[in-house]
Amino acid sequence: LSRIVSALAASVAPVMNSFFLLFLFTSVYATIATHAFKHRNAEFFGRFSASFFSLFQVVTADSWASTITRSFFNDNGSVDVGVATFFISYVLLGGIVLIN
C-alpha cells in the first residue's frame, strides 16, 4: 500500500503538467475558433468560454461529430478545407498532448 501511495503521489506532477499543456493548447485553438467561427456557429463558438468547452468536447471525442461539426457542413454536404484542417490538426495535436 505504501508503494502504491508513493507512486500515485509521484505521478501527480507529470499529470498536472499534461493538463496544463492541454489547457494552453486548447486556449490557443479556442481563441482562433472564436474569431474564425463565431459567425458560422455562435452557439458553440460565439464566446471564448463556449469555444473552449466545445474544443474540449472535441478532444475528448464526446459526440462532437454529431453536434459540433455538423453545423459546418455546406448545403451540398461538403466541408470547407480550412474548417477540416482546423479540426483535424486540433484532434491530432490534442491527442498527442493527451497521450503524453
C-alpha atoms as a PDB file:
ATOM      1  CA  LEU A   1       0.000   0.000   0.000  1.00  0.00           C
ATOM      2  CA  SER A   2       2.867   2.330   0.787  1.00  0.00           C
ATOM      3  CA  ARG A   3       4.397   1.785  -2.659  1.00  0.00           C
ATOM      4  CA  ILE A   4       1.085   2.446  -4.366  1.00  0.00           C
ATOM      5  CA  VAL A   5       0.518   5.684  -2.490  1.00  0.00           C
ATOM      6  CA  SER A   6       4.050   6.905  -3.182  1.00  0.00           C
ATOM      7  CA  ALA A   7       3.699   6.020  -6.887  1.00  0.00           C
ATOM      8  CA  LEU A   8       0.419   7.928  -7.061  1.00  0.00           C
ATOM      9  CA  ALA A   9       1.978  10.904  -5.308  1.00  0.00           C
ATOM     10  CA  ALA A  10       4.916  10.873  -7.708  1.00  0.00           C
ATOM     11  CA  SER A  11       2.594  10.852 -10.731  1.00  0.00           C
ATOM     12  CA  VAL A  12       0.605  13.939  -9.712  1.00  0.00           C
ATOM     13  CA  ALA A  13       3.154  16.472 -11.025  1.00  0.00           C
ATOM     14  CA  PRO A  14       3.517  14.943 -14.531  1.00  0.00           C
ATOM     15  CA  VAL A  15      -0.253  14.602 -14.886  1.00  0.00           C
ATOM     16  CA  MET A  16      -0.758  18.234 -13.857  1.00  0.00           C
ATOM     17  CA  ASN A  17       1.872  19.298 -16.404  1.00  0.00           C
ATOM     18  CA  SER A  18      -0.033  17.442 -19.121  1.00  0.00           C
ATOM     19  CA  PHE A  19      -3.310  19.094 -18.118  1.00  0.00           C
ATOM     20  CA  PHE A  20      -1.603  22.496 -18.127  1.00  0.00           C
ATOM     21  CA  LEU A  21      -0.243  21.887 -21.639  1.00  0.00           C
ATOM     22  CA  LEU A  22      -3.695  20.772 -22.799  1.00  0.00           C
ATOM     23  CA  PHE A  23      -5.193  23.903 -21.219  1.00  0.00           C
ATOM     24  CA  LEU A  24      -2.721  26.170 -23.051  1.00  0.00           C
ATOM     25  CA  PHE A  25      -3.143  24.285 -26.316  1.00  0.00           C
ATOM     26  CA  THR A  26      -6.942  24.410 -26.108  1.00  0.00           C
ATOM     27  CA  SER A  27      -6.864  28.101 -25.153  1.00  0.00           C
ATOM     28  CA  VAL A  28      -4.905  28.965 -28.295  1.00  0.00           C
ATOM     29  CA  TYR A  29      -7.220  26.929 -30.514  1.00  0.00           C
ATOM     30  CA  ALA A  30     -10.308  28.336 -28.737  1.00  0.00           C
ATOM     31  CA  THR A  31      -9.126  31.874 -29.438  1.00  0.00           C
ATOM     32  CA  ILE A  32      -8.655  31.041 -33.104  1.00  0.00           C
ATOM     33  CA  ALA A  33     -12.014  29.239 -33.255  1.00  0.00           C
ATOM     34  CA  THR A  34     -13.851  32.141 -31.635  1.00  0.00           C
ATOM     35  CA  HIS A  35     -12.554  34.589 -34.219  1.00  0.00           C
ATOM     36  CA  ALA A  36     -12.914  32.240 -37.184  1.00  0.00           C
ATOM     37  CA  PHE A  37     -16.233  30.517 -36.468  1.00  0.00           C
ATOM     38  CA  LYS A  38     -18.342  32.853 -34.317  1.00  0.00           C
ATOM     39  CA  HIS A  39     -20.420  33.933 -37.320  1.00  0.00           C
ATOM     40  CA  ARG A  40     -20.898  30.383 -38.593  1.00  0.00           C
ATOM     41  CA  ASN A  41     -21.889  28.773 -35.304  1.00  0.00           C
ATOM     42  CA  ALA A  42     -22.497  31.236 -32.484  1.00  0.00           C
ATOM     43  CA  GLU A  43     -23.878  28.566 -30.156  1.00  0.00           C
ATOM     44  CA  PHE A  44     -20.608  26.635 -29.914  1.00  0.00           C
ATOM     45  CA  PHE A  45     -18.059  29.301 -30.914  1.00  0.00           C
ATOM     46  CA  GLY A  46     -19.646  32.691 -30.147  1.00  0.00           C
ATOM     47  CA  ARG A  47     -17.658  33.306 -26.957  1.00  0.00           C
ATOM     48  CA  PHE A  48     -14.255  32.133 -25.744  1.00  0.00           C
ATOM     49  CA  SER A  49     -15.790  30.021 -22.979  1.00  0.00           C
ATOM     50  CA  ALA A  50     -18.148  28.301 -25.427  1.00  0.00           C
ATOM     51  CA  SER A  51     -15.262  27.693 -27.836  1.00  0.00           C
ATOM     52  CA  PHE A  52     -13.090  26.305 -25.058  1.00  0.00           C
ATOM     53  CA  PHE A  53     -15.799  23.909 -23.900  1.00  0.00           C
ATOM     54  CA  SER A  54     -16.612  22.856 -27.467  1.00  0.00           C
ATOM     55  CA  LEU A  55     -12.967  22.137 -28.234  1.00  0.00           C
ATOM     56  CA  PHE A  56     -12.586  20.210 -25.001  1.00  0.00           C
ATOM     57  CA  GLN A  57     -15.581  18.177 -26.113  1.00  0.00           C
ATOM     58  CA  VAL A  58     -13.876  17.604 -29.471  1.00  0.00           C
ATOM     59  CA  VAL A  59     -10.557  16.448 -27.991  1.00  0.00           C
ATOM     60  CA  THR A  60     -12.271  14.038 -25.614  1.00  0.00           C
ATOM     61  CA  ALA A  61     -14.426  12.704 -28.511  1.00  0.00           C
ATOM     62  CA  ASP A  62     -17.666  13.324 -26.636  1.00  0.00           C
ATOM     63  CA  SER A  63     -20.208  13.196 -29.513  1.00  0.00           C
ATOM     64  CA  TRP A  64     -18.526  16.113 -31.221  1.00  0.00           C
ATOM     65  CA  ALA A  65     -19.053  14.776 -34.739  1.00  0.00           C
ATOM     66  CA  SER A  66     -22.828  14.766 -34.392  1.00  0.00           C
ATOM     67  CA  THR A  67     -23.306  18.059 -32.583  1.00  0.00           C
ATOM     68  CA  ILE A  68     -20.462  20.473 -33.231  1.00  0.00           C
ATOM     69  CA  THR A  69     -19.133  19.731 -36.703  1.00  0.00           C
ATOM     70  CA  ARG A  70     -22.483  19.042 -38.399  1.00  0.00           C
ATOM     71  CA  SER A  71     -23.174  22.775 -38.399  1.00  0.00           C
ATOM     72  CA  PHE A  72     -20.084  23.369 -40.571  1.00  0.00           C
ATOM     73  CA  PHE A  73     -21.376  21.282 -43.472  1.00  0.00           C
ATOM     74  CA  ASN A  74     -22.404  23.228 -46.574  1.00  0.00           C
ATOM     75  CA  ASP A  75     -25.810  22.728 -48.171  1.00  0.00           C
ATOM     76  CA  ASN A  76     -24.402  20.152 -50.589  1.00  0.00           C
ATOM     77  CA  GLY A  77     -22.788  18.136 -47.773  1.00  0.00           C
ATOM     78  CA  SER A  78     -19.220  19.343 -48.290  1.00  0.00           C
ATOM     79  CA  VAL A  79     -16.959  20.955 -45.720  1.00  0.00           C
ATOM     80  CA  ASP A  80     -14.529  23.833 -46.248  1.00  0.00           C
ATOM     81  CA  VAL A  81     -10.861  22.836 -46.333  1.00  0.00           C
ATOM     82  CA  GLY A  82      -9.973  25.395 -43.641  1.00  0.00           C
ATOM     83  CA  VAL A  83     -12.556  24.050 -41.208  1.00  0.00           C
ATOM     84  CA  ALA A  84     -11.465  20.467 -41.836  1.00  0.00           C
ATOM     85  CA  THR A  85      -7.794  21.387 -41.421  1.00  0.00           C
ATOM     86  CA  PHE A  86      -8.541  23.211 -38.165  1.00  0.00           C
ATOM     87  CA  PHE A  87     -10.405  20.308 -36.562  1.00  0.00           C
ATOM     88  CA  ILE A  88      -8.080  17.581 -37.878  1.00  0.00           C
ATOM     89  CA  SER A  89      -4.992  19.429 -36.626  1.00  0.00           C
ATOM     90  CA  TYR A  90      -6.635  20.054 -33.258  1.00  0.00           C
ATOM     91  CA  VAL A  91      -7.691  16.429 -32.816  1.00  0.00           C
ATOM     92  CA  LEU A  92      -4.287  15.063 -33.838  1.00  0.00           C
ATOM     93  CA  LEU A  93      -2.207  17.507 -31.815  1.00  0.00           C
ATOM     94  CA  GLY A  94      -4.574  17.382 -28.848  1.00  0.00           C
ATOM     95  CA  GLY A  95      -4.395  13.591 -28.909  1.00  0.00           C
ATOM     96  CA  ILE A  96      -0.605  13.754 -28.791  1.00  0.00           C
ATOM     97  CA  VAL A  97      -0.777  16.092 -25.781  1.00  0.00           C
ATOM     98  CA  LEU A  98      -3.242  13.758 -24.036  1.00  0.00           C
ATOM     99  CA  ILE A  99      -1.161  10.673 -24.782  1.00  0.00           C
ATOM    100  CA  ASN A 100       1.970  12.227 -23.309  1.00  0.00           C
END
